[in-house]
Amino acid sequence: MPGIDECLLEAMRLPGARGASLVDWTSGLALGTVGESPGGDHEAAAAEAAEFARLAAEQRAFAPDDDPADAGAESAAGPAGTGPPVEDLIVSNRDSYHVLRFVGPSFDGSVVLHLWLARAEGNLALARIRLGEMARQLVLT
């Protein structure tokens, strides 16, 4: 299974990828970075991504409905009821996308993959699918 560096390099193979990082959303620290950084500073971008992830993860409004039929269901982040209530966050502006994918609780539960995509070349659907796969692989390492 790939480690952090291999995972980030794989993210950079996505069409339109400008930069990628693995961020601890509780501390704001970048655990690994590759490529460019929004604003030119990887540490500042990691802190800002962490703040955004923390805001979404701590809000009950984004939690899945408590449906008894889903009891025991497993999400991409792990078994039901563990980890943050969201799978990913997407922010778009006129020239790029930022995709933050939460990594499951087996990999500390407080980590997100942050991918910065050029809007003209990027494929948002493909990026979401591939980041989900990368997050599951990191969980198993």
Protein backbone atom coordinates (compact mmCIF):
# COMPACT_ATOMS: atom_id res chain seq x y z
CA MET A 1 0.00 0.00 0.00
CA PRO A 2 1.29 3.48 -0.80
CA GLY A 3 2.62 5.83 1.83
CA ILE A 4 2.02 9.57 2.02
CA ASP A 5 4.56 10.55 -0.64
CA GLU A 6 3.35 7.91 -3.10
CA CYS A 7 -0.26 8.92 -2.52
CA LEU A 8 0.47 12.59 -3.17
CA LEU A 9 2.45 11.78 -6.31
CA GLU A 10 -0.48 9.69 -7.53
CA ALA A 11 -2.79 12.66 -6.92
CA MET A 12 -0.53 14.81 -9.09
CA ARG A 13 -1.11 12.42 -12.01
CA LEU A 14 -4.74 13.53 -12.17
CA PRO A 15 -5.54 15.83 -15.10
CA GLY A 16 -5.21 19.46 -14.06
CA ALA A 17 -3.53 18.77 -10.71
CA ARG A 18 -1.59 21.81 -9.53
CA GLY A 19 -0.76 20.69 -6.01
CA ALA A 20 -1.68 18.19 -3.32
CA SER A 21 -1.16 17.86 0.40
CA LEU A 22 -2.07 15.68 3.33
CA VAL A 23 -3.19 17.87 6.21
CA ASP A 24 -3.96 17.19 9.86
CA TRP A 25 -7.16 19.18 10.25
CA THR A 26 -6.93 19.39 14.04
CA SER A 27 -3.51 21.07 14.08
CA GLY A 28 -3.33 22.63 10.61
CA LEU A 29 0.00 20.97 9.86
CA ALA A 30 0.88 19.63 6.43
CA LEU A 31 2.05 16.01 6.74
CA GLY A 32 3.20 16.04 3.13
CA THR A 33 3.02 18.33 0.11
CA VAL A 34 3.76 18.16 -3.59
CA GLY A 35 3.44 20.58 -6.50
CA GLU A 36 2.33 24.18 -6.24
CA SER A 37 0.48 25.69 -3.33
CA PRO A 38 -2.44 28.10 -3.47
CA GLY A 39 -0.99 31.47 -2.48
CA GLY A 40 2.54 30.09 -2.78
CA ASP A 41 2.87 28.90 0.84
CA HIS A 42 2.22 25.22 1.64
CA GLU A 43 2.03 25.80 5.40
CA ALA A 44 -0.50 28.65 5.11
CA ALA A 45 -2.59 26.65 2.62
CA ALA A 46 -2.56 23.65 4.99
CA ALA A 47 -3.71 25.80 7.91
CA GLU A 48 -6.53 27.30 5.82
CA ALA A 49 -7.62 23.90 4.49
CA ALA A 50 -7.59 22.55 8.06
CA GLU A 51 -9.79 25.40 9.26
CA PHE A 52 -12.31 24.72 6.49
CA ALA A 53 -12.27 20.95 7.13
CA ARG A 54 -12.65 21.42 10.87
CA LEU A 55 -15.59 23.77 10.38
CA ALA A 56 -17.43 21.23 8.20
CA ALA A 57 -16.48 18.19 10.30
CA GLU A 58 -17.77 19.68 13.53
CA GLN A 59 -21.19 20.72 12.21
CA ARG A 60 -24.10 18.42 12.94
CA ALA A 61 -25.97 19.80 9.91
CA PHE A 62 -23.59 17.87 7.65
CA ALA A 63 -23.92 14.57 9.50
CA PRO A 64 -25.78 11.75 7.76
CA ASP A 65 -29.34 11.11 8.87
CA ASP A 66 -29.67 8.56 11.66
CA ASP A 67 -31.46 5.97 9.56
CA PRO A 68 -31.82 2.60 11.33
CA ALA A 69 -31.71 0.92 7.91
CA ASP A 70 -28.13 2.20 7.57
CA ALA A 71 -27.01 0.77 10.91
CA GLY A 72 -23.74 -1.01 10.40
CA ALA A 73 -23.28 0.49 6.93
CA GLU A 74 -19.73 1.37 6.05
CA SER A 75 -18.81 4.68 4.44
CA ALA A 76 -15.61 5.58 2.64
CA ALA A 77 -14.30 6.97 5.94
CA GLY A 78 -15.02 3.81 7.89
CA PRO A 79 -17.82 2.12 9.80
CA ALA A 80 -20.97 4.09 10.46
CA GLY A 81 -20.69 6.50 13.37
CA THR A 82 -16.90 6.91 13.21
CA GLY A 83 -14.83 9.72 11.80
CA PRO A 84 -16.08 13.03 10.48
CA PRO A 85 -19.65 13.20 9.15
CA VAL A 86 -18.53 14.38 5.70
CA GLU A 87 -16.61 12.53 2.99
CA ASP A 88 -15.30 15.44 0.99
CA LEU A 89 -15.54 19.19 0.51
CA ILE A 90 -15.35 21.03 -2.79
CA VAL A 91 -14.63 24.71 -3.25
CA SER A 92 -14.64 26.18 -6.72
CA ASN A 93 -13.58 29.55 -8.01
CA ARG A 94 -13.28 30.92 -11.53
CA ASP A 95 -10.05 29.09 -12.35
CA SER A 96 -9.69 26.12 -9.98
CA TYR A 97 -11.22 23.52 -7.70
CA HIS A 98 -10.10 22.57 -4.21
CA VAL A 99 -11.13 19.08 -3.14
CA LEU A 100 -10.64 18.01 0.46
CA ARG A 101 -11.17 14.30 1.08
CA PHE A 102 -11.38 13.08 4.67
CA VAL A 103 -9.22 10.05 5.39
CA GLY A 104 -10.84 7.41 7.58
CA PRO A 105 -10.36 6.91 11.31
CA SER A 106 -7.81 4.15 10.85
CA PHE A 107 -5.35 6.82 9.70
CA ASP A 108 -5.80 8.96 12.84
CA GLY A 109 -9.26 10.24 11.78
CA SER A 110 -8.10 13.85 11.62
CA VAL A 111 -6.48 13.93 8.19
CA VAL A 112 -7.63 15.26 4.82
CA LEU A 113 -6.21 14.97 1.34
CA HIS A 114 -6.26 18.41 -0.31
CA LEU A 115 -6.08 18.48 -4.10
CA TRP A 116 -5.82 21.75 -6.03
CA LEU A 117 -7.04 21.37 -9.64
CA ALA A 118 -6.92 23.76 -12.57
CA ARG A 119 -10.54 24.16 -13.64
CA ALA A 120 -9.84 24.13 -17.40
CA GLU A 121 -7.94 20.81 -17.33
CA GLY A 122 -9.32 19.15 -14.22
CA ASN A 123 -12.04 16.55 -14.02
CA LEU A 124 -13.87 17.00 -10.74
CA ALA A 125 -15.73 13.67 -10.86
CA LEU A 126 -12.54 11.73 -11.58
CA ALA A 127 -10.70 13.61 -8.83
CA ARG A 128 -13.37 12.71 -6.26
CA ILE A 129 -13.28 9.03 -7.25
CA ARG A 130 -9.50 8.80 -7.21
CA LEU A 131 -9.12 10.71 -3.92
CA GLY A 132 -11.62 8.30 -2.35
CA GLU A 133 -9.49 5.38 -3.51
CA MET A 134 -6.32 7.04 -2.23
CA ALA A 135 -7.93 7.73 1.15
CA ARG A 136 -8.93 4.07 1.51
CA GLN A 137 -5.39 2.96 0.63
CA LEU A 138 -3.88 5.31 3.19
CA VAL A 139 -6.25 3.91 5.83
CA LEU A 140 -4.77 0.47 5.27
CA THR A 141 -1.11 1.50 5.49
